[in-house]
């Protein structure tokens, strides 16, 4: 398929570029939020399949309307704020969590012509949003004025900040090979070979750190209900809790999309296949869906380690391996240039 054909845009978009960009942004972000909301139902069905049980099957045919029932239940729950809480930060925390998760998708190109923002520093923008997201956890834990929420918030903040270090270092090998922080340029640089091959160690570290940053099992100690009574959002209910809930699933989709973009060629077809009737966005969706299912499979199959084991694993294993990966990548690039 000719590169010029792939990059063509609708004729009306050339006359109305701002309107085209706004429509793209609205469509992509709405799809992301809807997919994240559906993740609740998809996760329960997949876990039921893998654990040989039924799962949700009461509301609608095959339980298809379970997500609608859950959304209605959350919407009609009392929007309660504890009297002993700091009301401003208590209300701000879920908004920050949701906003940072959704805004991070601005830099993800889903096809050669579809994307919210084509930033030259796209990868740095993602890391900035990930850093700001820590404030949602801290605000939620501190403002609740609850010892369990505070302990969960401190645990979560420490875990997130720690694993963001390894997350960032694991990405530097990709940046060094591609020579850019721009997401589209990183995808285009993978036309000959996907970066998962030269950066396999960085890929493994990125997956581990991504799971820890999103607080997904097995790294969900900060909100482990058996230990901390739901962690930093123990005092939240109704739509405030729903925003935390949806933000977590948005982050799952985000990390899966980043894995695809940085290591698996983004919208590029496997083995440089040229199939005219399959749009590039199809390959992006298929790859992302696969890694979303891997997140769910991890929840259904792995045990939860202790919190101290998680932190030791990060600083004593992930950090040295990430640094080794970066040093070896830099050495190989310098040798090739010489």
C-alpha atoms as a PDB file:
ATOM      1  CA  UNK A   1       0.000   0.000   0.000  1.00  0.00           C
ATOM      2  CA  UNK A   2       1.421   3.336  -1.032  1.00  0.00           C
ATOM      3  CA  UNK A   3       2.355   5.631   1.873  1.00  0.00           C
ATOM      4  CA  UNK A   4       0.608   8.567   0.196  1.00  0.00           C
ATOM      5  CA  UNK A   5      -2.649   6.595  -0.013  1.00  0.00           C
ATOM      6  CA  UNK A   6      -2.422   5.655   3.658  1.00  0.00           C
ATOM      7  CA  UNK A   7      -1.970   9.274   4.731  1.00  0.00           C
ATOM      8  CA  UNK A   8      -4.805  10.788   2.721  1.00  0.00           C
ATOM      9  CA  UNK A   9      -7.532  12.574   4.667  1.00  0.00           C
ATOM     10  CA  UNK A  10     -11.140  13.393   3.735  1.00  0.00           C
ATOM     11  CA  UNK A  11     -11.511  16.250   1.246  1.00  0.00           C
ATOM     12  CA  UNK A  12     -13.601  18.367   3.623  1.00  0.00           C
ATOM     13  CA  UNK A  13     -10.850  18.099   6.262  1.00  0.00           C
ATOM     14  CA  UNK A  14      -8.517  20.165   4.070  1.00  0.00           C
ATOM     15  CA  UNK A  15     -11.000  23.063   4.131  1.00  0.00           C
ATOM     16  CA  UNK A  16     -11.959  22.666   7.795  1.00  0.00           C
ATOM     17  CA  UNK A  17      -8.798  21.412   9.546  1.00  0.00           C
ATOM     18  CA  UNK A  18      -9.764  22.683  13.016  1.00  0.00           C
ATOM     19  CA  UNK A  19     -13.236  21.104  12.857  1.00  0.00           C
ATOM     20  CA  UNK A  20     -11.684  17.841  11.641  1.00  0.00           C
ATOM     21  CA  UNK A  21      -9.217  17.815  14.546  1.00  0.00           C
ATOM     22  CA  UNK A  22     -11.950  18.556  17.097  1.00  0.00           C
ATOM     23  CA  UNK A  23     -14.207  15.796  15.726  1.00  0.00           C
ATOM     24  CA  UNK A  24     -11.303  13.334  15.781  1.00  0.00           C
ATOM     25  CA  UNK A  25     -10.499  14.245  19.378  1.00  0.00           C
ATOM     26  CA  UNK A  26     -14.116  13.884  20.538  1.00  0.00           C
ATOM     27  CA  UNK A  27     -14.599  10.545  18.759  1.00  0.00           C
ATOM     28  CA  UNK A  28     -11.338   9.019  20.000  1.00  0.00           C
ATOM     29  CA  UNK A  29     -11.788  10.158  23.613  1.00  0.00           C
ATOM     30  CA  UNK A  30     -15.445   9.049  23.707  1.00  0.00           C
ATOM     31  CA  UNK A  31     -14.481   5.643  22.337  1.00  0.00           C
ATOM     32  CA  UNK A  32     -11.740   5.347  24.965  1.00  0.00           C
ATOM     33  CA  UNK A  33     -14.134   6.140  27.836  1.00  0.00           C
ATOM     34  CA  UNK A  34     -16.813   3.778  26.482  1.00  0.00           C
ATOM     35  CA  UNK A  35     -14.300   0.955  26.039  1.00  0.00           C
ATOM     36  CA  UNK A  36     -13.030   1.550  29.580  1.00  0.00           C
ATOM     37  CA  UNK A  37     -16.607   1.362  30.897  1.00  0.00           C
ATOM     38  CA  UNK A  38     -17.191  -1.867  28.964  1.00  0.00           C
ATOM     39  CA  UNK A  39     -13.976  -3.281  30.420  1.00  0.00           C
ATOM     40  CA  UNK A  40     -15.821  -4.040  33.662  1.00  0.00           C
ATOM     41  CA  UNK A  41     -18.171  -6.443  31.877  1.00  0.00           C
ATOM     42  CA  UNK A  42     -15.455  -7.824  29.586  1.00  0.00           C
ATOM     43  CA  UNK A  43     -13.135  -8.509  32.515  1.00  0.00           C
ATOM     44  CA  UNK A  44     -15.800 -10.392  34.476  1.00  0.00           C
ATOM     45  CA  UNK A  45     -16.774 -12.475  31.449  1.00  0.00           C
ATOM     46  CA  UNK A  46     -13.170 -13.363  30.636  1.00  0.00           C
ATOM     47  CA  UNK A  47     -12.385 -14.245  34.255  1.00  0.00           C
ATOM     48  CA  UNK A  48     -15.502 -16.420  34.363  1.00  0.00           C
ATOM     49  CA  UNK A  49     -14.431 -18.171  31.156  1.00  0.00           C
ATOM     50  CA  UNK A  50     -10.909 -18.858  32.396  1.00  0.00           C
ATOM     51  CA  UNK A  51     -12.086 -19.910  35.883  1.00  0.00           C
ATOM     52  CA  UNK A  52     -14.827 -22.222  34.544  1.00  0.00           C
ATOM     53  CA  UNK A  53     -17.844 -20.362  35.948  1.00  0.00           C
ATOM     54  CA  UNK A  54     -20.779 -18.365  34.575  1.00  0.00           C
ATOM     55  CA  UNK A  55     -20.021 -14.737  35.378  1.00  0.00           C
ATOM     56  CA  UNK A  56     -22.680 -12.000  34.939  1.00  0.00           C
ATOM     57  CA  UNK A  57     -25.574 -13.569  33.004  1.00  0.00           C
ATOM     58  CA  UNK A  58     -28.779 -12.213  34.594  1.00  0.00           C
ATOM     59  CA  UNK A  59     -29.346  -8.770  33.035  1.00  0.00           C
ATOM     60  CA  UNK A  60     -30.242  -9.065  29.366  1.00  0.00           C
ATOM     61  CA  UNK A  61     -29.358 -11.908  26.973  1.00  0.00           C
ATOM     62  CA  UNK A  62     -26.089 -13.431  28.164  1.00  0.00           C
ATOM     63  CA  UNK A  63     -25.662 -10.612  30.681  1.00  0.00           C
ATOM     64  CA  UNK A  64     -25.081  -8.058  27.895  1.00  0.00           C
ATOM     65  CA  UNK A  65     -26.918  -5.277  29.758  1.00  0.00           C
ATOM     66  CA  UNK A  66     -25.005  -5.776  33.014  1.00  0.00           C
ATOM     67  CA  UNK A  67     -22.830  -2.745  32.298  1.00  0.00           C
ATOM     68  CA  UNK A  68     -25.974  -0.605  31.804  1.00  0.00           C
ATOM     69  CA  UNK A  69     -27.338  -1.787  35.148  1.00  0.00           C
ATOM     70  CA  UNK A  70     -24.019  -1.015  36.846  1.00  0.00           C
ATOM     71  CA  UNK A  71     -23.902   2.477  35.350  1.00  0.00           C
ATOM     72  CA  UNK A  72     -27.469   3.244  36.431  1.00  0.00           C
ATOM     73  CA  UNK A  73     -26.732   1.965  39.921  1.00  0.00           C
ATOM     74  CA  UNK A  74     -23.685   4.233  40.276  1.00  0.00           C
ATOM     75  CA  UNK A  75     -25.503   7.255  38.818  1.00  0.00           C
ATOM     76  CA  UNK A  76     -28.395   6.969  41.280  1.00  0.00           C
ATOM     77  CA  UNK A  77     -26.261   6.373  44.360  1.00  0.00           C
ATOM     78  CA  UNK A  78     -25.996   9.238  46.830  1.00  0.00           C
ATOM     79  CA  UNK A  79     -23.142  11.606  46.011  1.00  0.00           C
ATOM     80  CA  UNK A  80     -21.973  11.716  49.611  1.00  0.00           C
ATOM     81  CA  UNK A  81     -19.029  13.677  51.000  1.00  0.00           C
ATOM     82  CA  UNK A  82     -17.973  12.844  54.583  1.00  0.00           C
ATOM     83  CA  UNK A  83     -18.316  15.711  57.070  1.00  0.00           C
ATOM     84  CA  UNK A  84     -14.801  15.101  58.351  1.00  0.00           C
ATOM     85  CA  UNK A  85     -13.223  15.237  54.860  1.00  0.00           C
ATOM     86  CA  UNK A  86     -11.494  18.182  53.198  1.00  0.00           C
ATOM     87  CA  UNK A  87     -14.230  18.822  50.664  1.00  0.00           C
ATOM     88  CA  UNK A  88     -12.242  20.616  47.937  1.00  0.00           C
ATOM     89  CA  UNK A  89      -9.464  18.055  47.563  1.00  0.00           C
ATOM     90  CA  UNK A  90     -11.916  15.189  48.184  1.00  0.00           C
ATOM     91  CA  UNK A  91     -13.906  16.267  45.110  1.00  0.00           C
ATOM     92  CA  UNK A  92     -10.821  17.174  43.096  1.00  0.00           C
ATOM     93  CA  UNK A  93      -9.120  13.768  43.399  1.00  0.00           C
ATOM     94  CA  UNK A  94     -11.429  11.724  41.100  1.00  0.00           C
ATOM     95  CA  UNK A  95     -11.478  14.577  38.564  1.00  0.00           C
ATOM     96  CA  UNK A  96      -7.666  14.608  38.428  1.00  0.00           C
ATOM     97  CA  UNK A  97      -7.566  10.815  38.062  1.00  0.00           C
ATOM     98  CA  UNK A  98     -10.048  10.863  35.183  1.00  0.00           C
ATOM     99  CA  UNK A  99      -8.571  13.907  33.432  1.00  0.00           C
ATOM    100  CA  UNK A 100      -4.970  12.667  33.421  1.00  0.00           C
ATOM    101  CA  UNK A 101      -6.016   9.230  32.155  1.00  0.00           C
ATOM    102  CA  UNK A 102      -8.072  10.635  29.272  1.00  0.00           C
ATOM    103  CA  UNK A 103      -5.627  13.423  28.352  1.00  0.00           C
ATOM    104  CA  UNK A 104      -2.793  10.897  28.038  1.00  0.00           C
ATOM    105  CA  UNK A 105      -4.585   9.501  24.984  1.00  0.00           C
ATOM    106  CA  UNK A 106      -4.013  12.798  23.160  1.00  0.00           C
ATOM    107  CA  UNK A 107      -0.590  11.622  21.999  1.00  0.00           C
ATOM    108  CA  UNK A 108      -1.561   8.078  20.930  1.00  0.00           C
ATOM    109  CA  UNK A 109      -1.838   7.817  17.117  1.00  0.00           C
ATOM    110  CA  UNK A 110      -4.357   5.083  16.262  1.00  0.00           C
ATOM    111  CA  UNK A 111      -3.659   5.316  12.511  1.00  0.00           C
ATOM    112  CA  UNK A 112      -1.556   7.456  10.131  1.00  0.00           C
ATOM    113  CA  UNK A 113      -4.373  10.017   9.910  1.00  0.00           C
ATOM    114  CA  UNK A 114      -6.172   9.580  13.258  1.00  0.00           C
ATOM    115  CA  UNK A 115      -4.943  11.110  16.474  1.00  0.00           C
ATOM    116  CA  UNK A 116      -5.800  13.958  18.800  1.00  0.00           C
ATOM    117  CA  UNK A 117      -2.426  15.749  18.896  1.00  0.00           C
ATOM    118  CA  UNK A 118       0.778  15.086  16.958  1.00  0.00           C
ATOM    119  CA  UNK A 119       3.259  16.376  19.554  1.00  0.00           C
ATOM    120  CA  UNK A 120       7.009  16.327  19.035  1.00  0.00           C
ATOM    121  CA  UNK A 121       7.309  15.545  22.768  1.00  0.00           C
ATOM    122  CA  UNK A 122       4.420  13.066  22.911  1.00  0.00           C
ATOM    123  CA  UNK A 123       6.228  10.558  25.115  1.00  0.00           C
ATOM    124  CA  UNK A 124       7.248  13.283  27.572  1.00  0.00           C
ATOM    125  CA  UNK A 125       3.633  14.477  27.688  1.00  0.00           C
ATOM    126  CA  UNK A 126       2.545  10.968  28.696  1.00  0.00           C
ATOM    127  CA  UNK A 127       5.150  10.872  31.480  1.00  0.00           C
ATOM    128  CA  UNK A 128       3.996  14.305  32.679  1.00  0.00           C
ATOM    129  CA  UNK A 129       0.375  13.133  32.875  1.00  0.00           C
ATOM    130  CA  UNK A 130       1.493  10.005  34.731  1.00  0.00           C
ATOM    131  CA  UNK A 131       3.285  12.209  37.258  1.00  0.00           C
ATOM    132  CA  UNK A 132       0.254  14.446  37.777  1.00  0.00           C
ATOM    133  CA  UNK A 133      -1.953  11.363  38.290  1.00  0.00           C
ATOM    134  CA  UNK A 134      -0.105  10.686  41.557  1.00  0.00           C
ATOM    135  CA  UNK A 135      -1.788  13.773  43.022  1.00  0.00           C
ATOM    136  CA  UNK A 136      -5.198  12.122  42.587  1.00  0.00           C
ATOM    137  CA  UNK A 137      -4.056   9.274  44.832  1.00  0.00           C
ATOM    138  CA  UNK A 138      -2.542  11.621  47.411  1.00  0.00           C
ATOM    139  CA  UNK A 139      -5.579  13.926  47.408  1.00  0.00           C
ATOM    140  CA  UNK A 140      -7.965  10.989  47.779  1.00  0.00           C
ATOM    141  CA  UNK A 141      -6.027   9.398  50.630  1.00  0.00           C
ATOM    142  CA  UNK A 142      -5.276  12.577  52.591  1.00  0.00           C
ATOM    143  CA  UNK A 143      -8.574  14.438  52.138  1.00  0.00           C
ATOM    144  CA  UNK A 144     -10.672  11.475  53.324  1.00  0.00           C
ATOM    145  CA  UNK A 145      -9.311  11.957  56.872  1.00  0.00           C
ATOM    146  CA  UNK A 146      -9.337   8.184  57.279  1.00  0.00           C
ATOM    147  CA  UNK A 147      -6.318   6.212  58.480  1.00  0.00           C
ATOM    148  CA  UNK A 148      -6.919   3.349  56.040  1.00  0.00           C
ATOM    149  CA  UNK A 149      -7.352   5.768  53.134  1.00  0.00           C
ATOM    150  CA  UNK A 150      -4.201   7.661  54.130  1.00  0.00           C
ATOM    151  CA  UNK A 151      -2.137   4.477  54.426  1.00  0.00           C
ATOM    152  CA  UNK A 152      -3.459   3.260  51.072  1.00  0.00           C
ATOM    153  CA  UNK A 153      -2.702   6.638  49.492  1.00  0.00           C
ATOM    154  CA  UNK A 154       0.869   6.677  50.808  1.00  0.00           C
ATOM    155  CA  UNK A 155       1.462   3.130  49.616  1.00  0.00           C
ATOM    156  CA  UNK A 156       0.004   3.879  46.225  1.00  0.00           C
ATOM    157  CA  UNK A 157       1.960   7.112  45.774  1.00  0.00           C
ATOM    158  CA  UNK A 158       5.245   5.454  46.744  1.00  0.00           C
ATOM    159  CA  UNK A 159       4.595   2.532  44.405  1.00  0.00           C
ATOM    160  CA  UNK A 160       3.522   4.754  41.508  1.00  0.00           C
ATOM    161  CA  UNK A 161       6.456   7.175  41.799  1.00  0.00           C
ATOM    162  CA  UNK A 162       8.926   4.290  42.093  1.00  0.00           C
ATOM    163  CA  UNK A 163       7.676   2.352  39.090  1.00  0.00           C
ATOM    164  CA  UNK A 164       7.347   5.505  36.966  1.00  0.00           C
ATOM    165  CA  UNK A 165      11.144   5.740  37.221  1.00  0.00           C
ATOM    166  CA  UNK A 166      11.552   2.269  35.733  1.00  0.00           C
ATOM    167  CA  UNK A 167       8.801   2.988  33.208  1.00  0.00           C
ATOM    168  CA  UNK A 168      10.612   6.071  31.942  1.00  0.00           C
ATOM    169  CA  UNK A 169      14.047   4.430  31.764  1.00  0.00           C
ATOM    170  CA  UNK A 170      12.637   1.415  29.883  1.00  0.00           C
ATOM    171  CA  UNK A 171      11.301   3.805  27.210  1.00  0.00           C
ATOM    172  CA  UNK A 172      14.634   5.528  26.614  1.00  0.00           C
ATOM    173  CA  UNK A 173      15.925   2.607  24.552  1.00  0.00           C
ATOM    174  CA  UNK A 174      12.990   3.036  22.163  1.00  0.00           C
ATOM    175  CA  UNK A 175      13.622   6.787  21.993  1.00  0.00           C
ATOM    176  CA  UNK A 176      17.325   6.219  21.297  1.00  0.00           C
ATOM    177  CA  UNK A 177      16.610   3.838  18.402  1.00  0.00           C
ATOM    178  CA  UNK A 178      13.816   5.948  16.890  1.00  0.00           C
ATOM    179  CA  UNK A 179      15.633   9.230  17.542  1.00  0.00           C
ATOM    180  CA  UNK A 180      12.407  10.979  18.525  1.00  0.00           C
ATOM    181  CA  UNK A 181       9.832  11.463  21.280  1.00  0.00           C
ATOM    182  CA  UNK A 182       7.097  11.793  18.646  1.00  0.00           C
ATOM    183  CA  UNK A 183       4.731   8.804  18.693  1.00  0.00           C
ATOM    184  CA  UNK A 184       4.108   8.786  14.927  1.00  0.00           C
ATOM    185  CA  UNK A 185       7.827   8.858  14.177  1.00  0.00           C
ATOM    186  CA  UNK A 186       8.384   5.991  16.621  1.00  0.00           C
ATOM    187  CA  UNK A 187       5.751   3.923  14.791  1.00  0.00           C
ATOM    188  CA  UNK A 188       7.216   4.794  11.368  1.00  0.00           C
ATOM    189  CA  UNK A 189      10.669   3.735  12.613  1.00  0.00           C
ATOM    190  CA  UNK A 190       9.295   0.198  13.145  1.00  0.00           C
ATOM    191  CA  UNK A 191       8.521  -0.476   9.460  1.00  0.00           C
ATOM    192  CA  UNK A 192      11.528  -2.773   9.105  1.00  0.00           C
ATOM    193  CA  UNK A 193      11.404  -4.440  12.524  1.00  0.00           C
ATOM    194  CA  UNK A 194       9.187  -3.952  15.572  1.00  0.00           C
ATOM    195  CA  UNK A 195      11.068  -2.591  18.572  1.00  0.00           C
ATOM    196  CA  UNK A 196      10.002  -5.539  20.726  1.00  0.00           C
ATOM    197  CA  UNK A 197      12.871  -7.504  19.115  1.00  0.00           C
ATOM    198  CA  UNK A 198      15.829  -5.175  19.825  1.00  0.00           C
ATOM    199  CA  UNK A 199      14.165  -3.890  23.014  1.00  0.00           C
ATOM    200  CA  UNK A 200      12.761  -7.112  24.463  1.00  0.00           C
ATOM    201  CA  UNK A 201      14.184  -6.426  27.940  1.00  0.00           C
ATOM    202  CA  UNK A 202      12.782  -2.891  27.866  1.00  0.00           C
ATOM    203  CA  UNK A 203       9.427  -4.322  26.776  1.00  0.00           C
ATOM    204  CA  UNK A 204       9.302  -6.701  29.760  1.00  0.00           C
ATOM    205  CA  UNK A 205      10.229  -3.921  32.196  1.00  0.00           C
ATOM    206  CA  UNK A 206       7.632  -1.606  30.641  1.00  0.00           C
ATOM    207  CA  UNK A 207       4.880  -4.213  31.080  1.00  0.00           C
ATOM    208  CA  UNK A 208       5.790  -4.836  34.733  1.00  0.00           C
ATOM    209  CA  UNK A 209       6.042  -1.112  35.490  1.00  0.00           C
ATOM    210  CA  UNK A 210       2.826  -0.404  33.569  1.00  0.00           C
ATOM    211  CA  UNK A 211       0.886  -2.916  35.646  1.00  0.00           C
ATOM    212  CA  UNK A 212       2.303  -1.409  38.845  1.00  0.00           C
ATOM    213  CA  UNK A 213       1.529   2.189  37.815  1.00  0.00           C
ATOM    214  CA  UNK A 214      -2.087   1.300  36.978  1.00  0.00           C
ATOM    215  CA  UNK A 215      -2.429  -0.525  40.347  1.00  0.00           C
ATOM    216  CA  UNK A 216      -3.637  -3.672  38.648  1.00  0.00           C
ATOM    217  CA  UNK A 217      -3.259  -7.175  40.020  1.00  0.00           C
ATOM    218  CA  UNK A 218      -0.767  -8.450  41.133  1.00  0.00           C
ATOM    219  CA  UNK A 219       0.445  -4.943  42.059  1.00  0.00           C
ATOM    220  CA  UNK A 220      -2.840  -3.750  43.592  1.00  0.00           C
ATOM    221  CA  UNK A 221      -1.616  -3.735  47.201  1.00  0.00           C
ATOM    222  CA  UNK A 222      -2.554  -0.053  47.800  1.00  0.00           C
ATOM    223  CA  UNK A 223      -6.248  -0.886  47.394  1.00  0.00           C
ATOM    224  CA  UNK A 224      -6.225  -4.525  48.489  1.00  0.00           C
ATOM    225  CA  UNK A 225      -9.605  -4.982  50.163  1.00  0.00           C
ATOM    226  CA  UNK A 226      -8.303  -7.828  52.338  1.00  0.00           C
ATOM    227  CA  UNK A 227      -5.665  -5.549  53.873  1.00  0.00           C
ATOM    228  CA  UNK A 228      -6.728  -1.901  53.651  1.00  0.00           C
ATOM    229  CA  UNK A 229     -10.496  -1.884  53.164  1.00  0.00           C
ATOM    230  CA  UNK A 230     -10.286  -0.645  49.538  1.00  0.00           C
ATOM    231  CA  UNK A 231      -7.344   1.674  50.128  1.00  0.00           C
ATOM    232  CA  UNK A 232      -7.347   5.371  49.288  1.00  0.00           C
ATOM    233  CA  UNK A 233     -10.920   5.475  47.920  1.00  0.00           C
ATOM    234  CA  UNK A 234     -12.575   3.763  50.889  1.00  0.00           C
ATOM    235  CA  UNK A 235     -14.668   6.882  51.633  1.00  0.00           C
ATOM    236  CA  UNK A 236     -15.762   7.398  48.028  1.00  0.00           C
ATOM    237  CA  UNK A 237     -19.114   6.353  46.599  1.00  0.00           C
ATOM    238  CA  UNK A 238     -21.458   7.109  43.726  1.00  0.00           C
ATOM    239  CA  UNK A 239     -20.058   8.937  40.716  1.00  0.00           C
ATOM    240  CA  UNK A 240     -16.860   9.947  42.536  1.00  0.00           C
ATOM    241  CA  UNK A 241     -15.980   6.292  43.039  1.00  0.00           C
ATOM    242  CA  UNK A 242     -17.164   5.617  39.481  1.00  0.00           C
ATOM    243  CA  UNK A 243     -14.643   8.130  38.123  1.00  0.00           C
ATOM    244  CA  UNK A 244     -11.804   6.365  39.947  1.00  0.00           C
ATOM    245  CA  UNK A 245     -13.153   3.051  38.651  1.00  0.00           C
ATOM    246  CA  UNK A 246     -13.357   4.157  35.004  1.00  0.00           C
ATOM    247  CA  UNK A 247      -9.980   5.941  35.220  1.00  0.00           C
ATOM    248  CA  UNK A 248      -8.341   2.658  36.229  1.00  0.00           C
ATOM    249  CA  UNK A 249      -9.717   0.910  33.149  1.00  0.00           C
ATOM    250  CA  UNK A 250      -8.788   3.877  30.936  1.00  0.00           C
ATOM    251  CA  UNK A 251      -5.229   3.458  32.218  1.00  0.00           C
ATOM    252  CA  UNK A 252      -5.322  -0.243  31.341  1.00  0.00           C
ATOM    253  CA  UNK A 253      -6.317   0.611  27.762  1.00  0.00           C
ATOM    254  CA  UNK A 254      -3.717   3.405  27.723  1.00  0.00           C
ATOM    255  CA  UNK A 255      -0.820   1.173  28.772  1.00  0.00           C
ATOM    256  CA  UNK A 256      -1.944  -1.483  26.263  1.00  0.00           C
ATOM    257  CA  UNK A 257      -2.061   1.156  23.505  1.00  0.00           C
ATOM    258  CA  UNK A 258       1.403   2.403  24.495  1.00  0.00           C
ATOM    259  CA  UNK A 259       2.812  -1.129  24.368  1.00  0.00           C
ATOM    260  CA  UNK A 260       1.423  -1.477  20.844  1.00  0.00           C
ATOM    261  CA  UNK A 261       2.676   1.956  19.753  1.00  0.00           C
ATOM    262  CA  UNK A 262       6.185   1.679  21.192  1.00  0.00           C
ATOM    263  CA  UNK A 263       7.022  -1.996  20.747  1.00  0.00           C
ATOM    264  CA  UNK A 264       4.605  -3.619  18.282  1.00  0.00           C
ATOM    265  CA  UNK A 265       4.467  -1.224  15.365  1.00  0.00           C
ATOM    266  CA  UNK A 266       1.288   0.668  16.225  1.00  0.00           C
ATOM    267  CA  UNK A 267      -1.032   0.576  13.203  1.00  0.00           C
ATOM    268  CA  UNK A 268       1.505  -1.317  11.038  1.00  0.00           C
ATOM    269  CA  UNK A 269       0.485  -4.776   9.831  1.00  0.00           C
ATOM    270  CA  UNK A 270       2.605  -7.797  10.842  1.00  0.00           C
ATOM    271  CA  UNK A 271       5.429  -8.738   8.435  1.00  0.00           C
ATOM    272  CA  UNK A 272       4.689  -5.627   6.335  1.00  0.00           C
ATOM    273  CA  UNK A 273       1.548  -7.210   4.917  1.00  0.00           C
ATOM    274  CA  UNK A 274      -0.298  -5.035   2.416  1.00  0.00           C
ATOM    275  CA  UNK A 275      -4.019  -5.826   2.566  1.00  0.00           C
ATOM    276  CA  UNK A 276      -5.915  -2.977   0.840  1.00  0.00           C
ATOM    277  CA  UNK A 277      -9.342  -3.640   2.388  1.00  0.00           C
ATOM    278  CA  UNK A 278      -8.058  -3.687   6.005  1.00  0.00           C
ATOM    279  CA  UNK A 279      -7.560  -0.153   7.419  1.00  0.00           C
ATOM    280  CA  UNK A 280      -4.496   0.536   9.602  1.00  0.00           C
ATOM    281  CA  UNK A 281      -6.675   1.269  12.645  1.00  0.00           C
ATOM    282  CA  UNK A 282      -7.830  -2.387  12.564  1.00  0.00           C
ATOM    283  CA  UNK A 283      -4.316  -3.642  13.392  1.00  0.00           C
ATOM    284  CA  UNK A 284      -4.009  -1.103  16.209  1.00  0.00           C
ATOM    285  CA  UNK A 285      -7.320  -2.202  17.763  1.00  0.00           C
ATOM    286  CA  UNK A 286      -6.506  -5.928  17.491  1.00  0.00           C
ATOM    287  CA  UNK A 287      -3.085  -5.535  19.113  1.00  0.00           C
ATOM    288  CA  UNK A 288      -4.437  -3.313  21.890  1.00  0.00           C
ATOM    289  CA  UNK A 289      -7.292  -5.737  22.623  1.00  0.00           C
ATOM    290  CA  UNK A 290      -4.763  -8.571  22.979  1.00  0.00           C
ATOM    291  CA  UNK A 291      -2.773  -6.744  25.662  1.00  0.00           C
ATOM    292  CA  UNK A 292      -5.947  -5.677  27.464  1.00  0.00           C
ATOM    293  CA  UNK A 293      -6.817  -9.380  27.713  1.00  0.00           C
ATOM    294  CA  UNK A 294      -3.321 -10.033  29.095  1.00  0.00           C
ATOM    295  CA  UNK A 295      -4.068  -7.551  31.909  1.00  0.00           C
ATOM    296  CA  UNK A 296      -7.229  -9.509  32.718  1.00  0.00           C
ATOM    297  CA  UNK A 297      -5.407 -12.849  32.519  1.00  0.00           C
ATOM    298  CA  UNK A 298      -2.802 -11.590  35.001  1.00  0.00           C
ATOM    299  CA  UNK A 299      -5.593 -10.824  37.477  1.00  0.00           C
ATOM    300  CA  UNK A 300      -7.033 -14.299  37.126  1.00  0.00           C
ATOM    301  CA  UNK A 301      -3.786 -16.262  37.336  1.00  0.00           C
ATOM    302  CA  UNK A 302      -1.132 -14.496  39.439  1.00  0.00           C
ATOM    303  CA  UNK A 303      -0.816 -14.241  43.207  1.00  0.00           C
ATOM    304  CA  UNK A 304      -0.460 -10.926  45.030  1.00  0.00           C
ATOM    305  CA  UNK A 305       2.962 -10.414  46.675  1.00  0.00           C
ATOM    306  CA  UNK A 306       3.526  -8.377  49.827  1.00  0.00           C
ATOM    307  CA  UNK A 307       4.026  -4.628  49.502  1.00  0.00           C
ATOM    308  CA  UNK A 308       7.674  -4.779  50.607  1.00  0.00           C
ATOM    309  CA  UNK A 309       8.324  -7.490  48.012  1.00  0.00           C
ATOM    310  CA  UNK A 310       6.855  -5.268  45.293  1.00  0.00           C
ATOM    311  CA  UNK A 311       9.113  -2.346  46.230  1.00  0.00           C
ATOM    312  CA  UNK A 312      12.205  -4.545  46.566  1.00  0.00           C
ATOM    313  CA  UNK A 313      11.483  -6.102  43.169  1.00  0.00           C
ATOM    314  CA  UNK A 314      11.275  -2.664  41.605  1.00  0.00           C
ATOM    315  CA  UNK A 315      14.418  -1.097  43.043  1.00  0.00           C
ATOM    316  CA  UNK A 316      16.628  -4.198  43.155  1.00  0.00           C
ATOM    317  CA  UNK A 317      15.623  -5.904  39.893  1.00  0.00           C
ATOM    318  CA  UNK A 318      13.684  -3.590  37.549  1.00  0.00           C
ATOM    319  CA  UNK A 319      15.945  -0.547  37.993  1.00  0.00           C
ATOM    320  CA  UNK A 320      19.281  -2.354  37.335  1.00  0.00           C
ATOM    321  CA  UNK A 321      17.807  -4.201  34.339  1.00  0.00           C
ATOM    322  CA  UNK A 322      16.374  -0.972  32.908  1.00  0.00           C
ATOM    323  CA  UNK A 323      19.759   0.753  33.250  1.00  0.00           C
ATOM    324  CA  UNK A 324      21.559  -2.204  31.658  1.00  0.00           C
ATOM    325  CA  UNK A 325      19.090  -2.154  28.763  1.00  0.00           C
ATOM    326  CA  UNK A 326      19.666   1.579  28.226  1.00  0.00           C
ATOM    327  CA  UNK A 327      23.474   1.279  28.427  1.00  0.00           C
ATOM    328  CA  UNK A 328      23.608  -1.662  26.003  1.00  0.00           C
ATOM    329  CA  UNK A 329      21.259   0.104  23.580  1.00  0.00           C
ATOM    330  CA  UNK A 330      23.397   3.247  23.659  1.00  0.00           C
ATOM    331  CA  UNK A 331      26.602   1.243  23.169  1.00  0.00           C
ATOM    332  CA  UNK A 332      25.170  -0.622  20.161  1.00  0.00           C
ATOM    333  CA  UNK A 333      23.969   2.629  18.555  1.00  0.00           C
ATOM    334  CA  UNK A 334      27.417   4.235  19.022  1.00  0.00           C
ATOM    335  CA  UNK A 335      29.153   1.159  17.571  1.00  0.00           C
ATOM    336  CA  UNK A 336      26.890   1.233  14.517  1.00  0.00           C
ATOM    337  CA  UNK A 337      27.567   4.930  13.987  1.00  0.00           C
ATOM    338  CA  UNK A 338      31.319   4.358  14.312  1.00  0.00           C
END
